[in-house]
Structure formats: C-alpha cells, structure tokens
Amino acid sequence: MLEKKDFLITTETTPDVSTDLSGSSKKIEPLLGLADAVNVTDSPNCKTRLNSLLVASEIKKSGLDVILQLTGRDRNRVALESELLGALSVQIDKVLCLSGDQPDDNGPMAVNELNSNGLIQLCKTISEGSLTDGTEIKNPLPLYSGAADDLYVQLSNPEAMNSLTAKMKQGASFIQTQYCFDFDVIKQYSEKLNDQGIFNDCKVLIGMGPLKSAKQADWMRKNLWGINISDEILNKLECSDNPGETGEEICIELIEKIMSLPCIDGVHLMGPNCEKASAKVISNFK
C-alpha cells in the first residue's frame, strides 16, 4: 500500500463481540479486490471486542492488506511489544498508533503507559531490531507506523502541526484523519501540509464514511470524539428517499473533488458495519 502512487482508499472493520473468528474476518469479503487496505479496530469506544490481531491475521490470509489499529490504553510496554512481534510474525507490518478512547469514571482501568507518540517510537525501535530493553529480535522485520490527525484541530490550533510533524520525525509513514465532509476544510488542510514541505514521503488519507441515515450521523457527531458532520449533510440524509445511497454519493462526490489536492494521497472510509457500503464507494474508483 505505502509503495503505491495511485490515489489510495482504505476502510475499516470492527471485530464482533463473539467467539466466531470467521464471522468477524469474513465481513471484509465485499472489499476484496477493491480496498487498498483495511484497518482492524482495537476495541473502539473502550468496549471489548474479539482480539483485533486474531481477526487481522485471518483477513491477511485473504490477500487484503491490513492495518492493525493499536492503542496504548489497555496494555503495558511488554504486552505492546508482544503484540507487535505477533503482528510481524503473520506479515502484518502496518500499525495505526493511537492513544485510544479513554474509559469514563465507572469504566475499566486504563494503562496508558504509552500514548500514540510512544507507540510510534516503539514501532521504530522494533523495526530497527530490538525491544526497548535492548533485547535483540531474531529475524527482525520492518514495521510501518501511522498517526491519526484531526483537520479541524489543525486549522484552529497553530500548535497542532508541531505535534503532527513530531510524529513524522519519530517515524510515522502514513496519516489517517478523523471525519471531514467539508471540501474547503480539506483544501485548507492540504495547503497547510504542503507549506510544511515534509509530507511528500508520507501517505495522507482523509477520513470520511458512507453514512446510512441522519439519525446515525447525528448520534455519531454527538457521542464519538473527533466526529464533525455538518447540518447540511444531516439535511441531505433526512430529505433523501434512500439515505444509505445518498451517504455513498456524498463520499463519491467529495473524493472526486479532493483527488488532485497536493499532499492528499487518499481517503479512509469509516463507520459502523461499513464494509458493504464502502465497497460500493470504492468500486467507482477501481
């Protein structure tokens, strides 16, 4: 995926709360031959799911490239190192490094030994052939880390770019952003990245997703961190006779507009149970 020069389209899948491994891994079948890669989420919203590495390993067998999402919320350094060695052992070499959605006061205990920056640095250390305590790794393999970003934070906070460039310098090879359906915001973000002059060797993918209804979109923007969905988008979905199809069309139209922007290398399609709808969107470009 990272070597491709074409416009990239990745998407995501979330494992089930189930002991049926094939049930979770087969959800990506509509994406085969279409998506450039699929992210496997890591217990999003701080809710238990089937182990993401197990599911990612099964998906990898299908021939679809995989990006393993990994949070520092639930594991200490030893567990994180073990997880990354396990990923490399099954040829999964791309990791989106996240701090993770944090639990509320009545939720489970968070570990948080490493945040997203620490995870990116850990990936670099392992990629260079050792653990953090200096232990040499037998048969070391390259590991490519990715960072998350928020366009709205970047445009409102002058210090946010310093944080992103720091992740780049620590070794991040790709960026996947939070949702954005606003072309003007994406254009401003593109210009800001281009002005830095250091993002040509990094894949930047804009987050969006095939929304299924106004109700879903409204719930997401009210309950999920980093979700920006405008009233205009909600109104389009509300007035549509087929909101699912309209949600797909919104993505298609926006992708067509941003494909030529500098420093924008692709899009990342997200959303609950989005595999089939994402495949429909991607089929317009493959």
Foldseek 3Di string as FASTA:
>chain_A
DLPDQAFAEEEEFEAAQDPDLCVRLCLQVLCPPFHQEYEYDQCAPVHDHPHSLSSQLSNVVVVHQYEYEDAQFADAQVVLVVSQVSCVVSPRAEYEFANGNHDDPPHDHTDSNDGSLRSLLQLVVQQVAAGPVRHGDPPGHHHAYAYEEALVCVVPPVCRVVVVVSSVVSGHQEYAYAADLDLVSVLVSLVVVVVVVPLPRHAYAYEHAQDFALVQLVCCVVPPPRHDDDVVLSVQRHPDPGSSVVSLVSVLVSQVVCSPRHSHRYHYYYDHSRSNSSSVSSVVPD
